[in-house]
């Protein structure tokens, strides 16, 4: 058997009621939620009974998902699952970095609150959104984007699936162009054009925030959205191959594409064959199956997902 990796999801995975069964059934998860409730009062109510509209606001989405993901990871550990490598999608990379020991649980939560505020502010400055483009190759998506002033391929998710950040006033025309090219564009449940130039100021300001925290090296191999490689080495085909510090990787990923397909393939090349998605939804395990059909995937979103693994 190969190595086991924990995967932490990003925005769009949220739903009302997330984390409630973990809180009720797992002592480790309950400890996480109670800690974060002290830092941000009302968090548990937001996760367990918040409306879809409340949870869709970036300033709420990111802290709520971070808490649920950390609770799920701690519950999985409590049940005996061992994490030997980690990665997170967008927001999830901050959770993964925290879980891997780069900062304390409290510091990680404080970081994600600031990250959410900065990204929300940038989203308010320029009306933008995101769409997942299906049935087209990455090159085809890039060609469609080239016909628009503000359309950027940002999430290279899996073969035949690339997400694009688009200016709001170009979204309808963009979807029509995707259809003309033989693809399909599905709007995503996010409030801005993340991982694109729309987020340039947020990335710069988050670097300043990170500089005030005592960042440490991850205690397990942690893979970067920005390079697709582990934190201790840059991907050779990037312009910034030497980028390896947490400050650089966590700030730049806010305004740069998420290279998820390459990241998953690099994890597999390093011996990972079992991927455990910890937190709401099944998006990441679904992408893993498209990238690596033979990989073993596990989801830990509810207490029932870990209950049978105890002992």
C-alpha atoms as a PDB file:
ATOM      1  CA  UNK A   1       0.000   0.000   0.000  1.00  0.00           C
ATOM      2  CA  UNK A   2       1.207   3.500  -0.826  1.00  0.00           C
ATOM      3  CA  UNK A   3       0.926   6.701   1.155  1.00  0.00           C
ATOM      4  CA  UNK A   4      -2.243   8.420   2.390  1.00  0.00           C
ATOM      5  CA  UNK A   5      -2.880  12.094   1.674  1.00  0.00           C
ATOM      6  CA  UNK A   6      -5.487  14.386   3.204  1.00  0.00           C
ATOM      7  CA  UNK A   7      -7.149  16.843   0.795  1.00  0.00           C
ATOM      8  CA  UNK A   8      -8.857  20.021   2.019  1.00  0.00           C
ATOM      9  CA  UNK A   9     -11.593  21.556  -0.206  1.00  0.00           C
ATOM     10  CA  UNK A  10     -12.107  25.159  -1.268  1.00  0.00           C
ATOM     11  CA  UNK A  11     -15.015  27.539  -1.626  1.00  0.00           C
ATOM     12  CA  UNK A  12     -18.118  26.121  -3.220  1.00  0.00           C
ATOM     13  CA  UNK A  13     -18.160  23.024  -0.993  1.00  0.00           C
ATOM     14  CA  UNK A  14     -20.094  24.743   1.801  1.00  0.00           C
ATOM     15  CA  UNK A  15     -23.629  23.802   2.818  1.00  0.00           C
ATOM     16  CA  UNK A  16     -25.914  24.585   5.729  1.00  0.00           C
ATOM     17  CA  UNK A  17     -25.488  22.029   8.508  1.00  0.00           C
ATOM     18  CA  UNK A  18     -21.887  21.193   7.684  1.00  0.00           C
ATOM     19  CA  UNK A  19     -19.849  19.940  10.610  1.00  0.00           C
ATOM     20  CA  UNK A  20     -22.819  19.436  12.944  1.00  0.00           C
ATOM     21  CA  UNK A  21     -22.643  15.645  13.120  1.00  0.00           C
ATOM     22  CA  UNK A  22     -18.874  15.809  13.639  1.00  0.00           C
ATOM     23  CA  UNK A  23     -19.378  18.244  16.497  1.00  0.00           C
ATOM     24  CA  UNK A  24     -21.968  15.989  18.107  1.00  0.00           C
ATOM     25  CA  UNK A  25     -20.037  12.741  17.660  1.00  0.00           C
ATOM     26  CA  UNK A  26     -16.310  13.487  17.826  1.00  0.00           C
ATOM     27  CA  UNK A  27     -14.512  14.931  20.846  1.00  0.00           C
ATOM     28  CA  UNK A  28     -11.619  16.060  18.628  1.00  0.00           C
ATOM     29  CA  UNK A  29     -13.950  17.881  16.233  1.00  0.00           C
ATOM     30  CA  UNK A  30     -15.864  19.458  19.105  1.00  0.00           C
ATOM     31  CA  UNK A  31     -12.622  20.828  20.538  1.00  0.00           C
ATOM     32  CA  UNK A  32     -11.822  22.490  17.193  1.00  0.00           C
ATOM     33  CA  UNK A  33     -15.236  24.107  16.859  1.00  0.00           C
ATOM     34  CA  UNK A  34     -15.251  25.313  20.470  1.00  0.00           C
ATOM     35  CA  UNK A  35     -11.810  26.873  20.011  1.00  0.00           C
ATOM     36  CA  UNK A  36     -12.848  28.741  16.870  1.00  0.00           C
ATOM     37  CA  UNK A  37     -16.149  29.808  18.419  1.00  0.00           C
ATOM     38  CA  UNK A  38     -14.124  31.693  21.049  1.00  0.00           C
ATOM     39  CA  UNK A  39     -12.187  33.504  18.305  1.00  0.00           C
ATOM     40  CA  UNK A  40     -15.216  34.217  16.129  1.00  0.00           C
ATOM     41  CA  UNK A  41     -18.489  34.018  18.099  1.00  0.00           C
ATOM     42  CA  UNK A  42     -21.392  32.738  16.010  1.00  0.00           C
ATOM     43  CA  UNK A  43     -19.229  30.407  13.925  1.00  0.00           C
ATOM     44  CA  UNK A  44     -21.004  27.224  15.038  1.00  0.00           C
ATOM     45  CA  UNK A  45     -24.411  28.685  14.256  1.00  0.00           C
ATOM     46  CA  UNK A  46     -23.131  29.782  10.847  1.00  0.00           C
ATOM     47  CA  UNK A  47     -21.899  26.271  10.024  1.00  0.00           C
ATOM     48  CA  UNK A  48     -24.734  24.291  11.574  1.00  0.00           C
ATOM     49  CA  UNK A  49     -27.729  26.401  10.559  1.00  0.00           C
ATOM     50  CA  UNK A  50     -26.574  29.357   8.435  1.00  0.00           C
ATOM     51  CA  UNK A  51     -28.455  30.079   5.238  1.00  0.00           C
ATOM     52  CA  UNK A  52     -26.993  29.429   1.808  1.00  0.00           C
ATOM     53  CA  UNK A  53     -26.839  33.195   1.284  1.00  0.00           C
ATOM     54  CA  UNK A  54     -24.848  33.742   4.488  1.00  0.00           C
ATOM     55  CA  UNK A  55     -22.460  30.909   3.711  1.00  0.00           C
ATOM     56  CA  UNK A  56     -21.881  32.214   0.178  1.00  0.00           C
ATOM     57  CA  UNK A  57     -20.331  35.445   1.475  1.00  0.00           C
ATOM     58  CA  UNK A  58     -16.552  35.091   1.284  1.00  0.00           C
ATOM     59  CA  UNK A  59     -16.012  36.596   4.735  1.00  0.00           C
ATOM     60  CA  UNK A  60     -18.200  33.787   6.111  1.00  0.00           C
ATOM     61  CA  UNK A  61     -17.378  30.987   3.687  1.00  0.00           C
ATOM     62  CA  UNK A  62     -13.670  30.770   4.330  1.00  0.00           C
ATOM     63  CA  UNK A  63     -13.670  30.701   8.163  1.00  0.00           C
ATOM     64  CA  UNK A  64     -16.635  28.298   8.199  1.00  0.00           C
ATOM     65  CA  UNK A  65     -15.028  25.887   5.742  1.00  0.00           C
ATOM     66  CA  UNK A  66     -11.666  26.133   7.513  1.00  0.00           C
ATOM     67  CA  UNK A  67     -13.305  25.136  10.813  1.00  0.00           C
ATOM     68  CA  UNK A  68     -15.238  22.247   9.277  1.00  0.00           C
ATOM     69  CA  UNK A  69     -12.185  20.954   7.438  1.00  0.00           C
ATOM     70  CA  UNK A  70      -9.968  21.087  10.507  1.00  0.00           C
ATOM     71  CA  UNK A  71     -12.663  19.396  12.586  1.00  0.00           C
ATOM     72  CA  UNK A  72     -13.011  16.637   9.981  1.00  0.00           C
ATOM     73  CA  UNK A  73      -9.240  16.114   9.818  1.00  0.00           C
ATOM     74  CA  UNK A  74      -8.963  15.885  13.596  1.00  0.00           C
ATOM     75  CA  UNK A  75     -11.910  13.484  13.718  1.00  0.00           C
ATOM     76  CA  UNK A  76     -10.259  11.332  11.042  1.00  0.00           C
ATOM     77  CA  UNK A  77      -7.045  11.253  13.073  1.00  0.00           C
ATOM     78  CA  UNK A  78      -9.021  10.405  16.197  1.00  0.00           C
ATOM     79  CA  UNK A  79     -10.529   7.457  14.311  1.00  0.00           C
ATOM     80  CA  UNK A  80      -7.095   6.141  13.326  1.00  0.00           C
ATOM     81  CA  UNK A  81      -6.541   7.531   9.840  1.00  0.00           C
ATOM     82  CA  UNK A  82      -2.915   8.557   9.301  1.00  0.00           C
ATOM     83  CA  UNK A  83      -2.001  11.503   7.081  1.00  0.00           C
ATOM     84  CA  UNK A  84       1.360  11.185   5.283  1.00  0.00           C
ATOM     85  CA  UNK A  85       0.984  14.089   2.834  1.00  0.00           C
ATOM     86  CA  UNK A  86      -1.464  16.940   2.361  1.00  0.00           C
ATOM     87  CA  UNK A  87      -2.831  19.458  -0.106  1.00  0.00           C
ATOM     88  CA  UNK A  88      -5.694  21.908  -0.170  1.00  0.00           C
ATOM     89  CA  UNK A  89      -7.617  23.562  -2.955  1.00  0.00           C
ATOM     90  CA  UNK A  90      -7.389  27.372  -2.705  1.00  0.00           C
ATOM     91  CA  UNK A  91      -8.670  28.167   0.812  1.00  0.00           C
ATOM     92  CA  UNK A  92      -8.015  24.516   1.660  1.00  0.00           C
ATOM     93  CA  UNK A  93      -4.281  25.065   1.308  1.00  0.00           C
ATOM     94  CA  UNK A  94      -4.361  27.333   4.367  1.00  0.00           C
ATOM     95  CA  UNK A  95      -6.152  24.569   6.292  1.00  0.00           C
ATOM     96  CA  UNK A  96      -3.659  21.995   5.026  1.00  0.00           C
ATOM     97  CA  UNK A  97      -0.712  24.204   6.013  1.00  0.00           C
ATOM     98  CA  UNK A  98      -2.160  24.631   9.502  1.00  0.00           C
ATOM     99  CA  UNK A  99      -2.922  20.932   9.873  1.00  0.00           C
ATOM    100  CA  UNK A 100       0.641  20.136   8.756  1.00  0.00           C
ATOM    101  CA  UNK A 101       2.008  22.209  11.625  1.00  0.00           C
ATOM    102  CA  UNK A 102       3.044  25.371   9.797  1.00  0.00           C
ATOM    103  CA  UNK A 103       1.145  27.511  12.314  1.00  0.00           C
ATOM    104  CA  UNK A 104      -0.943  26.772  15.385  1.00  0.00           C
ATOM    105  CA  UNK A 105      -4.665  26.012  15.111  1.00  0.00           C
ATOM    106  CA  UNK A 106      -5.451  29.480  16.432  1.00  0.00           C
ATOM    107  CA  UNK A 107      -3.036  31.243  14.089  1.00  0.00           C
ATOM    108  CA  UNK A 108      -4.337  29.366  11.054  1.00  0.00           C
ATOM    109  CA  UNK A 109      -7.888  30.460  11.824  1.00  0.00           C
ATOM    110  CA  UNK A 110      -6.778  34.065  12.310  1.00  0.00           C
ATOM    111  CA  UNK A 111      -4.975  33.927   8.968  1.00  0.00           C
ATOM    112  CA  UNK A 112      -8.002  32.641   7.106  1.00  0.00           C
ATOM    113  CA  UNK A 113     -10.219  35.355   8.605  1.00  0.00           C
ATOM    114  CA  UNK A 114      -7.825  38.004   7.252  1.00  0.00           C
ATOM    115  CA  UNK A 115      -7.548  36.202   3.900  1.00  0.00           C
ATOM    116  CA  UNK A 116     -11.328  36.194   3.544  1.00  0.00           C
ATOM    117  CA  UNK A 117     -11.595  39.894   4.339  1.00  0.00           C
ATOM    118  CA  UNK A 118      -8.941  40.810   1.776  1.00  0.00           C
ATOM    119  CA  UNK A 119     -10.410  38.663  -0.992  1.00  0.00           C
ATOM    120  CA  UNK A 120     -13.904  39.965  -0.258  1.00  0.00           C
ATOM    121  CA  UNK A 121     -12.605  43.528  -0.557  1.00  0.00           C
ATOM    122  CA  UNK A 122     -11.018  42.822  -3.953  1.00  0.00           C
ATOM    123  CA  UNK A 123     -14.192  41.108  -5.151  1.00  0.00           C
ATOM    124  CA  UNK A 124     -16.169  44.234  -4.255  1.00  0.00           C
ATOM    125  CA  UNK A 125     -13.862  46.463  -6.305  1.00  0.00           C
ATOM    126  CA  UNK A 126     -14.367  44.639  -9.602  1.00  0.00           C
ATOM    127  CA  UNK A 127     -17.554  42.759 -10.399  1.00  0.00           C
ATOM    128  CA  UNK A 128     -16.429  39.274 -11.398  1.00  0.00           C
ATOM    129  CA  UNK A 129     -17.326  35.625 -11.092  1.00  0.00           C
ATOM    130  CA  UNK A 130     -16.169  32.147 -12.003  1.00  0.00           C
ATOM    131  CA  UNK A 131     -17.369  29.357 -14.238  1.00  0.00           C
ATOM    132  CA  UNK A 132     -16.256  25.760 -14.601  1.00  0.00           C
ATOM    133  CA  UNK A 133     -15.674  24.920 -18.251  1.00  0.00           C
ATOM    134  CA  UNK A 134     -16.321  21.306 -19.184  1.00  0.00           C
ATOM    135  CA  UNK A 135     -15.625  19.235 -22.322  1.00  0.00           C
ATOM    136  CA  UNK A 136     -12.774  21.432 -23.552  1.00  0.00           C
ATOM    137  CA  UNK A 137      -9.029  20.927 -23.214  1.00  0.00           C
ATOM    138  CA  UNK A 138      -6.955  23.405 -21.229  1.00  0.00           C
ATOM    139  CA  UNK A 139      -5.587  24.776 -24.493  1.00  0.00           C
ATOM    140  CA  UNK A 140      -9.084  25.274 -25.911  1.00  0.00           C
ATOM    141  CA  UNK A 141     -10.155  27.122 -22.762  1.00  0.00           C
ATOM    142  CA  UNK A 142      -7.084  29.346 -22.973  1.00  0.00           C
ATOM    143  CA  UNK A 143      -7.944  30.133 -26.591  1.00  0.00           C
ATOM    144  CA  UNK A 144     -11.510  31.117 -25.674  1.00  0.00           C
ATOM    145  CA  UNK A 145     -10.233  33.338 -22.850  1.00  0.00           C
ATOM    146  CA  UNK A 146      -7.852  35.071 -25.246  1.00  0.00           C
ATOM    147  CA  UNK A 147     -10.872  36.570 -26.990  1.00  0.00           C
ATOM    148  CA  UNK A 148     -11.918  38.519 -23.896  1.00  0.00           C
ATOM    149  CA  UNK A 149     -10.421  41.438 -22.013  1.00  0.00           C
ATOM    150  CA  UNK A 150     -10.925  39.947 -18.565  1.00  0.00           C
ATOM    151  CA  UNK A 151     -11.235  36.159 -18.713  1.00  0.00           C
ATOM    152  CA  UNK A 152      -8.516  34.081 -17.048  1.00  0.00           C
ATOM    153  CA  UNK A 153      -8.063  30.291 -16.801  1.00  0.00           C
ATOM    154  CA  UNK A 154      -7.461  29.869 -13.081  1.00  0.00           C
ATOM    155  CA  UNK A 155      -8.175  26.338 -11.840  1.00  0.00           C
ATOM    156  CA  UNK A 156      -6.686  23.494 -13.871  1.00  0.00           C
ATOM    157  CA  UNK A 157      -8.817  20.900 -12.111  1.00  0.00           C
ATOM    158  CA  UNK A 158      -8.741  17.722 -14.209  1.00  0.00           C
ATOM    159  CA  UNK A 159      -8.744  16.613 -17.841  1.00  0.00           C
ATOM    160  CA  UNK A 160     -11.643  18.409 -19.525  1.00  0.00           C
ATOM    161  CA  UNK A 161     -12.333  20.713 -16.573  1.00  0.00           C
ATOM    162  CA  UNK A 162     -10.843  24.182 -16.159  1.00  0.00           C
ATOM    163  CA  UNK A 163     -12.383  26.986 -14.093  1.00  0.00           C
ATOM    164  CA  UNK A 164     -12.214  30.530 -15.402  1.00  0.00           C
ATOM    165  CA  UNK A 165     -12.444  33.922 -13.679  1.00  0.00           C
ATOM    166  CA  UNK A 166     -14.463  36.365 -15.774  1.00  0.00           C
ATOM    167  CA  UNK A 167     -15.592  39.967 -15.474  1.00  0.00           C
ATOM    168  CA  UNK A 168     -19.306  40.059 -14.717  1.00  0.00           C
ATOM    169  CA  UNK A 169     -20.124  42.100 -17.823  1.00  0.00           C
ATOM    170  CA  UNK A 170     -18.388  39.487 -20.016  1.00  0.00           C
ATOM    171  CA  UNK A 171     -19.813  36.354 -18.409  1.00  0.00           C
ATOM    172  CA  UNK A 172     -22.782  35.836 -20.749  1.00  0.00           C
ATOM    173  CA  UNK A 173     -20.653  36.329 -23.851  1.00  0.00           C
ATOM    174  CA  UNK A 174     -18.003  34.044 -22.404  1.00  0.00           C
ATOM    175  CA  UNK A 175     -20.515  31.242 -21.789  1.00  0.00           C
ATOM    176  CA  UNK A 176     -21.773  31.634 -25.357  1.00  0.00           C
ATOM    177  CA  UNK A 177     -18.200  31.418 -26.700  1.00  0.00           C
ATOM    178  CA  UNK A 178     -17.586  28.265 -24.684  1.00  0.00           C
ATOM    179  CA  UNK A 179     -20.748  26.721 -26.125  1.00  0.00           C
ATOM    180  CA  UNK A 180     -19.677  27.670 -29.651  1.00  0.00           C
ATOM    181  CA  UNK A 181     -16.351  25.907 -29.017  1.00  0.00           C
ATOM    182  CA  UNK A 182     -18.171  22.698 -28.031  1.00  0.00           C
ATOM    183  CA  UNK A 183     -17.955  23.087 -24.265  1.00  0.00           C
ATOM    184  CA  UNK A 184     -20.212  23.938 -21.362  1.00  0.00           C
ATOM    185  CA  UNK A 185     -19.725  26.694 -18.761  1.00  0.00           C
ATOM    186  CA  UNK A 186     -21.271  26.262 -15.312  1.00  0.00           C
ATOM    187  CA  UNK A 187     -21.291  29.237 -12.878  1.00  0.00           C
ATOM    188  CA  UNK A 188     -19.624  28.534  -9.523  1.00  0.00           C
ATOM    189  CA  UNK A 189     -20.917  29.426  -6.040  1.00  0.00           C
ATOM    190  CA  UNK A 190     -18.277  32.055  -5.329  1.00  0.00           C
ATOM    191  CA  UNK A 191     -18.455  35.823  -4.962  1.00  0.00           C
ATOM    192  CA  UNK A 192     -15.475  36.861  -7.070  1.00  0.00           C
ATOM    193  CA  UNK A 193     -12.916  35.983  -9.714  1.00  0.00           C
ATOM    194  CA  UNK A 194     -10.401  34.244  -7.483  1.00  0.00           C
ATOM    195  CA  UNK A 195      -6.870  33.152  -8.467  1.00  0.00           C
ATOM    196  CA  UNK A 196      -6.689  35.847 -11.118  1.00  0.00           C
ATOM    197  CA  UNK A 197      -5.501  39.460 -11.533  1.00  0.00           C
ATOM    198  CA  UNK A 198      -8.805  40.472  -9.891  1.00  0.00           C
ATOM    199  CA  UNK A 199      -7.159  39.404  -6.605  1.00  0.00           C
ATOM    200  CA  UNK A 200      -3.774  41.116  -7.049  1.00  0.00           C
ATOM    201  CA  UNK A 201      -4.151  43.523  -4.132  1.00  0.00           C
ATOM    202  CA  UNK A 202      -5.447  40.797  -1.817  1.00  0.00           C
ATOM    203  CA  UNK A 203      -2.394  38.672  -2.599  1.00  0.00           C
ATOM    204  CA  UNK A 204      -0.032  41.549  -1.874  1.00  0.00           C
ATOM    205  CA  UNK A 205      -1.757  42.484   1.379  1.00  0.00           C
ATOM    206  CA  UNK A 206      -1.963  38.857   2.530  1.00  0.00           C
ATOM    207  CA  UNK A 207       1.814  38.602   2.145  1.00  0.00           C
ATOM    208  CA  UNK A 208       2.074  41.483   4.612  1.00  0.00           C
ATOM    209  CA  UNK A 209      -0.278  39.661   7.003  1.00  0.00           C
ATOM    210  CA  UNK A 210       1.727  36.448   6.727  1.00  0.00           C
ATOM    211  CA  UNK A 211       4.950  38.316   7.479  1.00  0.00           C
ATOM    212  CA  UNK A 212       3.637  39.076  10.975  1.00  0.00           C
ATOM    213  CA  UNK A 213       3.023  35.402  11.811  1.00  0.00           C
ATOM    214  CA  UNK A 214       5.634  32.834  12.945  1.00  0.00           C
ATOM    215  CA  UNK A 215       5.479  30.591   9.879  1.00  0.00           C
ATOM    216  CA  UNK A 216       7.159  27.192  10.114  1.00  0.00           C
ATOM    217  CA  UNK A 217       7.924  24.399   7.665  1.00  0.00           C
ATOM    218  CA  UNK A 218       5.178  21.765   7.332  1.00  0.00           C
ATOM    219  CA  UNK A 219       5.815  18.592   9.318  1.00  0.00           C
ATOM    220  CA  UNK A 220       4.576  16.401   6.461  1.00  0.00           C
ATOM    221  CA  UNK A 221       4.904  16.863   2.673  1.00  0.00           C
ATOM    222  CA  UNK A 222       2.532  19.665   1.703  1.00  0.00           C
ATOM    223  CA  UNK A 223       1.797  20.403  -1.954  1.00  0.00           C
ATOM    224  CA  UNK A 224       1.381  23.920  -3.322  1.00  0.00           C
ATOM    225  CA  UNK A 225      -1.371  25.249  -5.604  1.00  0.00           C
ATOM    226  CA  UNK A 226       1.128  27.737  -7.014  1.00  0.00           C
ATOM    227  CA  UNK A 227       3.906  25.325  -8.047  1.00  0.00           C
ATOM    228  CA  UNK A 228       2.076  21.960  -7.931  1.00  0.00           C
ATOM    229  CA  UNK A 229       5.109  20.672  -6.036  1.00  0.00           C
ATOM    230  CA  UNK A 230       5.873  20.239  -2.337  1.00  0.00           C
ATOM    231  CA  UNK A 231       6.743  23.247  -0.247  1.00  0.00           C
ATOM    232  CA  UNK A 232      10.415  22.343  -0.148  1.00  0.00           C
ATOM    233  CA  UNK A 233      10.890  22.445  -3.909  1.00  0.00           C
ATOM    234  CA  UNK A 234       9.471  24.509  -6.760  1.00  0.00           C
ATOM    235  CA  UNK A 235       8.033  22.954  -9.879  1.00  0.00           C
ATOM    236  CA  UNK A 236      10.707  23.089 -12.622  1.00  0.00           C
ATOM    237  CA  UNK A 237       8.364  24.433 -15.280  1.00  0.00           C
ATOM    238  CA  UNK A 238       7.379  27.587 -13.413  1.00  0.00           C
ATOM    239  CA  UNK A 239       9.033  30.967 -13.742  1.00  0.00           C
ATOM    240  CA  UNK A 240       9.534  30.956  -9.978  1.00  0.00           C
ATOM    241  CA  UNK A 241      10.999  27.467  -9.574  1.00  0.00           C
ATOM    242  CA  UNK A 242      12.791  28.401  -6.375  1.00  0.00           C
ATOM    243  CA  UNK A 243       9.703  29.653  -4.594  1.00  0.00           C
ATOM    244  CA  UNK A 244       9.345  27.526  -1.495  1.00  0.00           C
ATOM    245  CA  UNK A 245       8.534  29.694   1.518  1.00  0.00           C
ATOM    246  CA  UNK A 246       5.074  29.523   3.001  1.00  0.00           C
ATOM    247  CA  UNK A 247       4.716  33.298   2.740  1.00  0.00           C
ATOM    248  CA  UNK A 248       5.375  33.228  -1.008  1.00  0.00           C
ATOM    249  CA  UNK A 249       3.241  30.191  -1.757  1.00  0.00           C
ATOM    250  CA  UNK A 250       0.224  31.114   0.373  1.00  0.00           C
ATOM    251  CA  UNK A 251       0.087  34.704  -0.838  1.00  0.00           C
ATOM    252  CA  UNK A 252       0.740  34.165  -4.537  1.00  0.00           C
ATOM    253  CA  UNK A 253      -1.837  31.397  -4.859  1.00  0.00           C
ATOM    254  CA  UNK A 254      -4.556  33.986  -4.218  1.00  0.00           C
ATOM    255  CA  UNK A 255      -3.952  35.645  -7.600  1.00  0.00           C
ATOM    256  CA  UNK A 256      -2.346  32.755  -9.535  1.00  0.00           C
ATOM    257  CA  UNK A 257      -3.886  29.627 -11.092  1.00  0.00           C
ATOM    258  CA  UNK A 258      -4.456  26.484  -9.045  1.00  0.00           C
ATOM    259  CA  UNK A 259      -2.534  23.683 -10.787  1.00  0.00           C
ATOM    260  CA  UNK A 260      -4.593  20.901  -9.224  1.00  0.00           C
ATOM    261  CA  UNK A 261      -4.226  18.232 -11.902  1.00  0.00           C
ATOM    262  CA  UNK A 262      -0.434  18.575 -11.906  1.00  0.00           C
ATOM    263  CA  UNK A 263      -0.418  18.638  -8.091  1.00  0.00           C
ATOM    264  CA  UNK A 264      -2.331  15.351  -7.833  1.00  0.00           C
ATOM    265  CA  UNK A 265      -0.097  13.699 -10.413  1.00  0.00           C
ATOM    266  CA  UNK A 266       2.978  14.853  -8.489  1.00  0.00           C
ATOM    267  CA  UNK A 267       1.581  13.399  -5.279  1.00  0.00           C
ATOM    268  CA  UNK A 268       0.982  10.094  -7.020  1.00  0.00           C
ATOM    269  CA  UNK A 269       4.511  10.116  -8.426  1.00  0.00           C
ATOM    270  CA  UNK A 270       5.754  10.500  -4.841  1.00  0.00           C
ATOM    271  CA  UNK A 271       3.890   7.354  -3.776  1.00  0.00           C
ATOM    272  CA  UNK A 272       0.451   8.621  -2.722  1.00  0.00           C
ATOM    273  CA  UNK A 273      -2.296   6.233  -3.790  1.00  0.00           C
ATOM    274  CA  UNK A 274      -5.024   6.952  -1.211  1.00  0.00           C
ATOM    275  CA  UNK A 275      -6.680  10.376  -1.060  1.00  0.00           C
ATOM    276  CA  UNK A 276      -8.906  11.335   1.883  1.00  0.00           C
ATOM    277  CA  UNK A 277     -11.040  14.445   1.370  1.00  0.00           C
ATOM    278  CA  UNK A 278     -11.626  15.974   4.799  1.00  0.00           C
ATOM    279  CA  UNK A 279     -14.463  18.470   4.953  1.00  0.00           C
ATOM    280  CA  UNK A 280     -17.713  19.226   3.126  1.00  0.00           C
ATOM    281  CA  UNK A 281     -18.449  17.798  -0.299  1.00  0.00           C
ATOM    282  CA  UNK A 282     -16.845  15.290  -2.631  1.00  0.00           C
ATOM    283  CA  UNK A 283     -15.435  17.627  -5.278  1.00  0.00           C
ATOM    284  CA  UNK A 284     -11.758  16.843  -4.735  1.00  0.00           C
ATOM    285  CA  UNK A 285     -12.126  13.062  -4.641  1.00  0.00           C
ATOM    286  CA  UNK A 286     -14.183  13.360  -7.809  1.00  0.00           C
ATOM    287  CA  UNK A 287     -11.352  15.249  -9.483  1.00  0.00           C
ATOM    288  CA  UNK A 288      -8.803  12.704  -8.243  1.00  0.00           C
ATOM    289  CA  UNK A 289     -10.815   9.909  -9.873  1.00  0.00           C
ATOM    290  CA  UNK A 290     -10.768  11.794 -13.188  1.00  0.00           C
ATOM    291  CA  UNK A 291      -7.016  12.323 -12.916  1.00  0.00           C
ATOM    292  CA  UNK A 292      -6.081   8.919 -11.408  1.00  0.00           C
ATOM    293  CA  UNK A 293      -8.872   6.385 -12.063  1.00  0.00           C
ATOM    294  CA  UNK A 294      -7.136   3.684 -10.009  1.00  0.00           C
ATOM    295  CA  UNK A 295      -6.591   5.789  -6.895  1.00  0.00           C
ATOM    296  CA  UNK A 296      -8.384   4.952  -3.646  1.00  0.00           C
ATOM    297  CA  UNK A 297     -10.588   7.827  -2.452  1.00  0.00           C
ATOM    298  CA  UNK A 298     -12.269   8.344   0.917  1.00  0.00           C
ATOM    299  CA  UNK A 299     -14.525  11.152   2.128  1.00  0.00           C
ATOM    300  CA  UNK A 300     -14.781  12.408   5.702  1.00  0.00           C
ATOM    301  CA  UNK A 301     -17.548  14.994   5.955  1.00  0.00           C
ATOM    302  CA  UNK A 302     -19.912  13.509   8.548  1.00  0.00           C
ATOM    303  CA  UNK A 303     -19.404  11.632  11.814  1.00  0.00           C
ATOM    304  CA  UNK A 304     -20.776   8.494  10.144  1.00  0.00           C
ATOM    305  CA  UNK A 305     -17.770   8.609   7.796  1.00  0.00           C
ATOM    306  CA  UNK A 306     -15.364   8.004  10.694  1.00  0.00           C
ATOM    307  CA  UNK A 307     -17.522   6.193  13.244  1.00  0.00           C
ATOM    308  CA  UNK A 308     -16.918   2.742  11.768  1.00  0.00           C
ATOM    309  CA  UNK A 309     -13.145   3.253  11.655  1.00  0.00           C
ATOM    310  CA  UNK A 310     -12.706   3.572  15.396  1.00  0.00           C
ATOM    311  CA  UNK A 311     -10.769   0.966  17.291  1.00  0.00           C
END
